Protein backbone atom coordinates (compact mmCIF):
# COMPACT_ATOMS: atom_id res chain seq x y z
CA GLU A 1 9.14 6.58 -14.43
CA ARG A 2 13.51 6.14 -14.81
CA SER A 3 13.50 9.13 -12.34
CA LEU A 4 10.80 7.57 -10.18
CA ARG A 5 12.85 4.53 -9.17
CA GLY A 6 16.63 6.42 -9.71
CA ARG A 7 19.26 7.40 -7.31
CA ASN A 8 18.03 10.91 -6.86
CA PRO A 9 13.87 10.71 -5.76
CA SER A 10 14.11 14.50 -5.99
CA VAL A 11 14.26 14.93 -9.77
CA ALA A 12 10.74 12.85 -10.18
CA LEU A 13 9.11 14.88 -7.35
CA ASN A 14 9.87 18.03 -9.17
CA GLU A 15 8.25 16.55 -12.42
CA PHE A 16 5.25 15.59 -10.26
CA LYS A 17 5.32 19.25 -8.83
CA LEU A 18 4.99 20.54 -12.54
CA TRP A 19 2.24 18.29 -13.18
CA LEU A 20 0.37 19.11 -10.08
CA HIS A 21 1.06 23.00 -10.86
CA LEU A 22 -1.17 22.20 -14.43
CA GLN A 23 -3.89 20.25 -12.83
CA PRO A 24 -3.90 20.07 -9.14
CA GLU A 25 -6.30 17.53 -9.18
CA PHE A 26 -4.23 14.97 -10.90
CA TRP A 27 -4.08 11.98 -8.25
CA PRO A 28 -1.53 10.40 -10.50
CA ALA A 29 1.09 13.07 -9.79
CA LEU A 30 -0.24 13.00 -5.68
CA TYR A 31 -0.30 9.07 -5.64
CA TYR A 32 3.77 8.91 -7.05
CA SER A 33 4.68 12.32 -5.04
CA GLY A 34 3.55 10.08 -2.12
CA ILE A 35 5.36 7.21 -3.17
CA VAL A 36 8.51 9.41 -3.54
CA LYS A 37 7.87 11.23 -0.31
CA ARG A 38 8.05 7.51 1.13
CA ARG A 39 10.95 6.96 -0.32
CA MET A 40 12.22 9.74 1.28
CA SER A 41 11.50 8.67 4.70
CA ALA A 42 8.75 11.56 5.08
CA ASP A 43 6.01 9.50 6.02
CA ASN A 44 3.77 12.56 7.24
CA GLU A 45 3.93 13.99 3.86
CA ALA A 46 3.59 10.87 2.10
CA LEU A 47 0.24 10.30 3.93
CA ASP A 48 -0.71 14.11 3.16
CA LEU A 49 0.01 13.41 -0.63
CA LEU A 50 -1.94 9.99 -0.37
CA ALA A 51 -4.40 11.71 1.37
CA ALA A 52 -5.38 14.66 -1.16
CA ALA A 53 -5.14 12.11 -4.06
CA LEU A 54 -8.16 9.61 -2.02
CA GLN A 55 -10.26 12.92 -2.08
CA VAL A 56 -9.90 13.05 -5.86
CA SER A 57 -9.98 9.47 -6.36
CA PRO A 58 -11.27 7.62 -3.41
CA HIS A 59 -11.64 4.00 -4.43
CA GLN A 60 -8.47 4.01 -5.94
CA PRO A 61 -6.62 0.71 -4.62
CA ASP A 62 -2.91 1.71 -5.20
CA VAL A 63 -3.40 4.69 -3.09
CA LEU A 64 -5.13 2.70 -0.62
CA PHE A 65 -2.70 0.12 -0.88
CA GLU A 66 0.09 2.80 -0.19
CA MET A 67 -1.44 4.19 2.99
CA ALA A 68 -2.05 1.03 4.03
CA GLU A 69 1.29 0.02 4.29
CA LEU A 70 2.55 3.35 5.64
CA PHE A 71 -0.17 3.29 8.11
CA ALA A 72 1.35 -0.34 9.07
CA ARG A 73 5.03 1.52 9.29
CA ARG A 74 3.33 3.52 11.95
CA GLN A 75 1.97 0.69 14.42
CA ASN A 76 -1.46 1.25 13.29
CA PRO A 77 -2.18 -2.09 11.90
CA LYS A 78 -6.38 -1.47 12.73
CA ARG A 79 -6.05 1.70 9.90
CA ALA A 80 -4.12 -0.29 7.75
CA LEU A 81 -6.42 -2.97 7.86
CA GLU A 82 -9.55 -0.83 7.30
CA LEU A 83 -7.63 0.39 3.87
CA VAL A 84 -6.68 -2.55 2.32
CA ASP A 85 -10.20 -3.78 3.02
CA ARG A 86 -11.51 -1.18 1.13
CA ALA A 87 -8.76 -1.85 -2.09
CA LEU A 88 -9.41 -5.84 -2.05
CA PRO A 89 -12.76 -5.74 -3.78
CA GLN A 90 -11.48 -4.11 -6.54
CA ARG A 91 -8.47 -5.79 -7.02
CA GLN A 92 -9.18 -9.33 -6.02
CA GLY A 93 -6.69 -11.15 -8.20
CA GLU A 94 -3.49 -9.02 -6.20
CA GLY A 95 -1.63 -11.25 -3.65
CA ARG A 96 -0.01 -8.32 -2.50
CA LEU A 97 -3.09 -7.46 -0.86
CA TYR A 98 -3.80 -10.59 0.76
CA TYR A 99 0.01 -10.33 2.10
CA ALA A 100 -0.76 -7.25 3.66
CA LYS A 101 -4.11 -7.97 5.12
CA ALA A 102 -2.70 -11.18 6.66
CA ARG A 103 0.25 -9.08 8.04
CA TYR A 104 -2.27 -6.57 9.72
CA LEU A 105 -4.09 -9.01 10.82
CA ARG A 106 -1.37 -10.68 12.39
CA ALA A 107 -0.20 -7.42 13.92
CA LEU A 108 -3.87 -7.07 15.53
CA SER A 109 -3.21 -11.12 16.83
CA ARG A 110 -5.81 -12.24 14.82
CA ILE A 111 -3.97 -15.41 13.59
CA ASP A 112 -6.86 -17.62 12.38
CA ASP A 113 -8.13 -14.60 10.33
CA ALA A 114 -4.75 -14.15 8.66
CA ARG A 115 -4.34 -18.02 8.30
CA ARG A 116 -7.49 -17.63 6.25
CA VAL A 117 -6.43 -14.64 4.15
CA VAL A 118 -3.01 -16.15 3.50
CA ALA A 119 -4.83 -19.67 1.87
CA GLN A 120 -7.09 -17.30 0.26
CA GLY A 121 -3.91 -15.16 -1.53
CA ILE A 122 -2.17 -18.33 -2.10
CA ALA A 123 -5.26 -19.89 -4.36
CA ILE A 124 -5.06 -16.39 -6.21
CA ALA A 125 -1.24 -15.95 -6.12
CA PRO A 126 0.11 -19.82 -5.60
CA ASP A 127 4.07 -18.80 -6.77
CA SER A 128 3.61 -15.69 -3.93
CA PRO A 129 7.29 -16.34 -1.86
CA GLU A 130 5.77 -13.38 0.29
CA LEU A 131 2.53 -15.88 1.11
CA ARG A 132 3.94 -18.94 1.24
CA ARG A 133 6.56 -17.66 4.04
CA LEU A 134 3.78 -16.01 6.16
CA ALA A 135 2.11 -19.02 5.55
CA ARG A 136 4.90 -21.48 7.02
CA ALA A 137 5.01 -18.73 9.87
CA LEU A 138 1.30 -18.38 10.93
CA ARG A 139 1.22 -22.24 10.81
CA ARG A 140 4.27 -21.89 14.04
CA GLU A 141 1.89 -19.63 15.99
């Protein structure tokens, strides 16, 4: 984990490559390799790795969330929303998923839906500054 968050993400990537060599369908290695590639601004490679992780573990919410964030960065909130909607039933207590879903809905100009999702998220994660900021912004729209 330390090498994943360190200054040189290629060290972590080499560790994950070793894991994948030993166990090609080890979804955590695929997932974390995707995270590293995202950190390195290699979004296409990150998406490929995350898609491979989803093939091995199709309902893994962390993989679904990271893929959603990458699609949002690519200005594809519709696909991002589809992915986060698959992750939410498994992690209903995570405020970050509600925050992400509300952002994607906002990007799709579905402001009323975004407000509803933010309210649900604040009920679950009342201390989330991101959800509170988004709620204020949505009140102005």
